[in-house]
Each structure stands twice: as structure tokens, then as C-alpha cells.
Amino acid sequence: MSDDGRVVTANIPIDLASQLDAVADWLDRSKSWIVRQAVSAWLAEEQHRYELTLEALIDVDTGRTIAREDVLSPLQQARRHRA
């Protein structure tokens, strides 16, 4: 592990800690490595969601929207076909 990191402590449920232990053994990786991978993936996903939200807000502000009825109509037609 490099020395340029920072220690962060988290209190996690026992069952989650047990799963972390098991996966670390199975992958032959440290728990720190797994936590870094998980946090990195989660942060990237949250950033992506944030960017999508900003794009959606721009669409709303510029009037690029779809009426609720236009979205629901094909779904309702599909339900009638299945019945």
C-alpha cells in the first residue's frame, strides 16, 4: 500500500464485515483493497447520476420534455394486448 493515502474508519454491520473477510480471502486481496475498489466504483456511479440529473434539468429548462400521457399510452396499450 502506498503512503500517500489516508485512513478512514467506518462502522459496518457484522454480517457485512464477515462478507468482506470472506471475499478478501477468496480474492486473496486485502480488505483495504476491496473497500477502495467499492468506494471508487460507488463515487463514480454517484458522479454519473449527478451529471445525468444536471442534463435532465437542462432538458426541462429548455422545454425538451415528453408529456406524461405520451409515455403512459404505449404502456397501457401493451397491457391491453397482454390481457
Protein backbone atom coordinates (compact mmCIF):
# COMPACT_ATOMS: atom_id res chain seq x y z
CA MET A 1 0.00 0.00 0.00
CA SER A 2 1.28 3.44 -0.83
CA ASP A 3 1.95 6.01 1.88
CA ASP A 4 0.02 8.77 0.12
CA GLY A 5 -3.34 7.51 1.36
CA ARG A 6 -5.41 8.40 4.36
CA VAL A 7 -7.00 6.06 6.89
CA VAL A 8 -10.78 6.27 7.08
CA THR A 9 -12.69 4.35 9.72
CA ALA A 10 -16.21 3.05 9.20
CA ASN A 11 -18.52 1.11 11.46
CA ILE A 12 -20.19 -1.59 9.36
CA PRO A 13 -22.62 -4.33 10.38
CA ILE A 14 -21.07 -7.63 11.47
CA ASP A 15 -22.59 -9.55 8.56
CA LEU A 16 -21.10 -7.08 6.07
CA ALA A 17 -17.71 -7.31 7.77
CA SER A 18 -17.92 -11.10 7.58
CA GLN A 19 -18.69 -10.91 3.87
CA LEU A 20 -15.74 -8.56 3.42
CA ASP A 21 -13.46 -11.02 5.23
CA ALA A 22 -14.70 -13.90 3.08
CA VAL A 23 -14.27 -12.03 -0.20
CA ALA A 24 -10.81 -10.83 0.81
CA ASP A 25 -9.79 -14.43 1.45
CA TRP A 26 -11.41 -15.67 -1.74
CA LEU A 27 -9.78 -12.98 -3.90
CA ASP A 28 -6.50 -13.10 -1.97
CA ARG A 29 -6.73 -9.31 -1.62
CA SER A 30 -6.64 -7.06 1.40
CA LYS A 31 -9.83 -5.69 2.87
CA SER A 32 -8.44 -2.22 2.20
CA TRP A 33 -8.11 -3.03 -1.49
CA ILE A 34 -11.72 -4.22 -1.66
CA VAL A 35 -13.02 -1.17 0.19
CA ARG A 36 -11.02 1.15 -2.12
CA GLN A 37 -12.49 -0.59 -5.16
CA ALA A 38 -16.03 -0.40 -3.77
CA VAL A 39 -15.80 3.24 -2.73
CA SER A 40 -14.23 4.21 -6.05
CA ALA A 41 -17.00 2.46 -8.01
CA TRP A 42 -19.71 4.00 -5.84
CA LEU A 43 -18.28 7.50 -6.19
CA ALA A 44 -18.05 7.12 -9.97
CA GLU A 45 -21.68 5.96 -10.12
CA GLU A 46 -22.83 8.86 -7.94
CA GLN A 47 -20.93 11.32 -10.17
CA HIS A 48 -22.61 9.80 -13.22
CA ARG A 49 -26.05 10.12 -11.61
CA TYR A 50 -25.31 13.74 -10.71
CA GLU A 51 -24.29 14.52 -14.30
CA LEU A 52 -27.44 12.84 -15.65
CA THR A 53 -29.53 14.91 -13.24
CA LEU A 54 -27.89 18.12 -14.44
CA GLU A 55 -28.56 17.11 -18.06
CA ALA A 56 -32.19 16.35 -17.22
CA LEU A 57 -32.62 19.71 -15.54
CA ILE A 58 -31.24 21.43 -18.63
CA ASP A 59 -33.75 19.48 -20.74
CA VAL A 60 -36.59 20.64 -18.51
CA ASP A 61 -35.38 24.24 -18.55
CA THR A 62 -35.20 24.23 -22.36
CA GLY A 63 -38.59 22.54 -22.76
CA ARG A 64 -37.29 19.21 -24.02
CA THR A 65 -39.79 17.08 -22.19
CA ILE A 66 -42.32 14.38 -23.03
CA ALA A 67 -45.91 14.60 -21.84
CA ARG A 68 -46.90 12.03 -19.23
CA GLU A 69 -49.70 10.77 -21.47
CA ASP A 70 -47.25 10.14 -24.32
CA VAL A 71 -45.16 7.97 -22.04
CA LEU A 72 -48.05 6.06 -20.50
CA SER A 73 -50.07 5.44 -23.65
CA PRO A 74 -47.77 2.79 -25.19
CA LEU A 75 -47.54 1.05 -21.81
CA GLN A 76 -51.30 0.95 -21.45
CA GLN A 77 -51.66 -0.39 -24.99
CA ALA A 78 -49.12 -3.12 -24.26
CA ARG A 79 -51.06 -4.13 -21.14
CA ARG A 80 -54.29 -4.39 -23.15
CA HIS A 81 -52.54 -6.60 -25.71
CA ARG A 82 -51.30 -8.95 -22.98
CA ALA A 83 -54.73 -9.28 -21.36
